[in-house]
Protein backbone atom coordinates (compact mmCIF):
# COMPACT_ATOMS: atom_id res chain seq x y z
CA MET A 1 -18.17 -41.27 -27.18
CA ALA A 2 -20.90 -42.09 -24.76
CA ARG A 3 -24.45 -42.40 -25.99
CA PRO A 4 -26.83 -39.72 -24.84
CA ASN A 5 -30.14 -40.53 -23.11
CA ALA A 6 -33.28 -39.82 -24.99
CA SER A 7 -34.19 -37.31 -22.20
CA GLU A 8 -31.05 -35.36 -22.86
CA LEU A 9 -31.79 -35.42 -26.58
CA ARG A 10 -35.41 -34.20 -25.96
CA GLN A 11 -34.00 -31.04 -24.27
CA LEU A 12 -32.20 -29.92 -27.41
CA SER A 13 -33.97 -27.34 -29.62
CA ASP A 14 -35.37 -28.19 -32.98
CA ALA A 15 -32.45 -26.43 -34.75
CA ASP A 16 -30.08 -28.41 -32.82
CA ILE A 17 -31.57 -31.56 -33.57
CA THR A 18 -31.61 -30.94 -37.26
CA GLU A 19 -28.07 -29.66 -37.28
CA GLN A 20 -26.89 -32.75 -35.49
CA ILE A 21 -28.79 -34.89 -37.92
CA ASP A 22 -27.21 -33.42 -40.87
CA GLY A 23 -23.72 -33.69 -39.18
CA LEU A 24 -24.24 -37.39 -38.50
CA ARG A 25 -25.40 -38.09 -42.04
CA ARG A 26 -22.31 -36.45 -43.36
CA GLU A 27 -20.15 -38.40 -40.85
CA LEU A 28 -21.65 -41.58 -41.96
CA PHE A 29 -21.02 -40.69 -45.76
CA ASP A 30 -17.41 -39.85 -44.68
CA LEU A 31 -17.08 -43.15 -42.84
CA ARG A 32 -18.37 -45.22 -45.71
CA PHE A 33 -16.11 -43.63 -48.07
CA GLN A 34 -13.00 -44.18 -45.67
CA GLN A 35 -14.24 -47.78 -45.56
CA ALA A 36 -14.31 -48.18 -49.32
CA THR A 37 -10.74 -46.75 -49.56
CA ARG A 38 -9.53 -48.97 -46.69
CA GLN A 39 -8.45 -45.90 -44.60
CA LEU A 40 -10.99 -46.65 -41.82
CA ALA A 41 -9.40 -47.58 -38.60
CA ASN A 42 -12.21 -47.33 -36.05
CA THR A 43 -15.13 -49.46 -37.31
CA HIS A 44 -17.16 -49.03 -34.10
CA ARG A 45 -17.90 -45.43 -35.13
CA PHE A 46 -20.46 -46.73 -37.65
CA LYS A 47 -22.50 -48.41 -34.88
CA GLN A 48 -22.31 -45.31 -32.59
CA SER A 49 -23.20 -42.80 -35.27
CA ARG A 50 -26.25 -44.86 -36.60
CA ILE A 51 -27.58 -45.17 -33.06
CA LYS A 52 -27.35 -41.59 -32.32
CA LEU A 53 -28.87 -40.81 -35.70
CA ALA A 54 -31.75 -43.17 -35.07
CA GLN A 55 -32.35 -41.48 -31.62
CA LEU A 56 -32.45 -37.95 -33.01
CA LEU A 57 -34.65 -38.94 -35.79
CA THR A 58 -36.99 -40.48 -33.29
CA VAL A 59 -37.13 -37.29 -31.18
CA GLN A 60 -37.62 -35.28 -34.28
CA LYS A 61 -40.43 -37.56 -35.33
CA GLU A 62 -42.13 -37.40 -31.94
CA ARG A 63 -42.04 -33.63 -31.96
CA GLN A 64 -43.53 -33.60 -35.44
CA SER A 65 -46.33 -35.89 -34.69
CA SER A 66 -47.13 -34.08 -31.32
CA THR A 67 -47.73 -30.76 -33.29
CA ALA A 68 -49.84 -32.43 -35.75
CA SER A 69 -52.17 -33.67 -33.28
């Protein structure tokens, strides 16, 4: 899974960003659950998901601060 550039994420609509954030939070929950039950094989997915979530949250926060100004 290649990491998207910030410019690619900025092209998404607000609804798409919110939807992806919710999906990634659910995925991280599932990954933690799998790790706790020792069913997780691909531990690198943690890092990938956290990075993408951080990027999406950053873009969302930028949009909120630009509209508030």
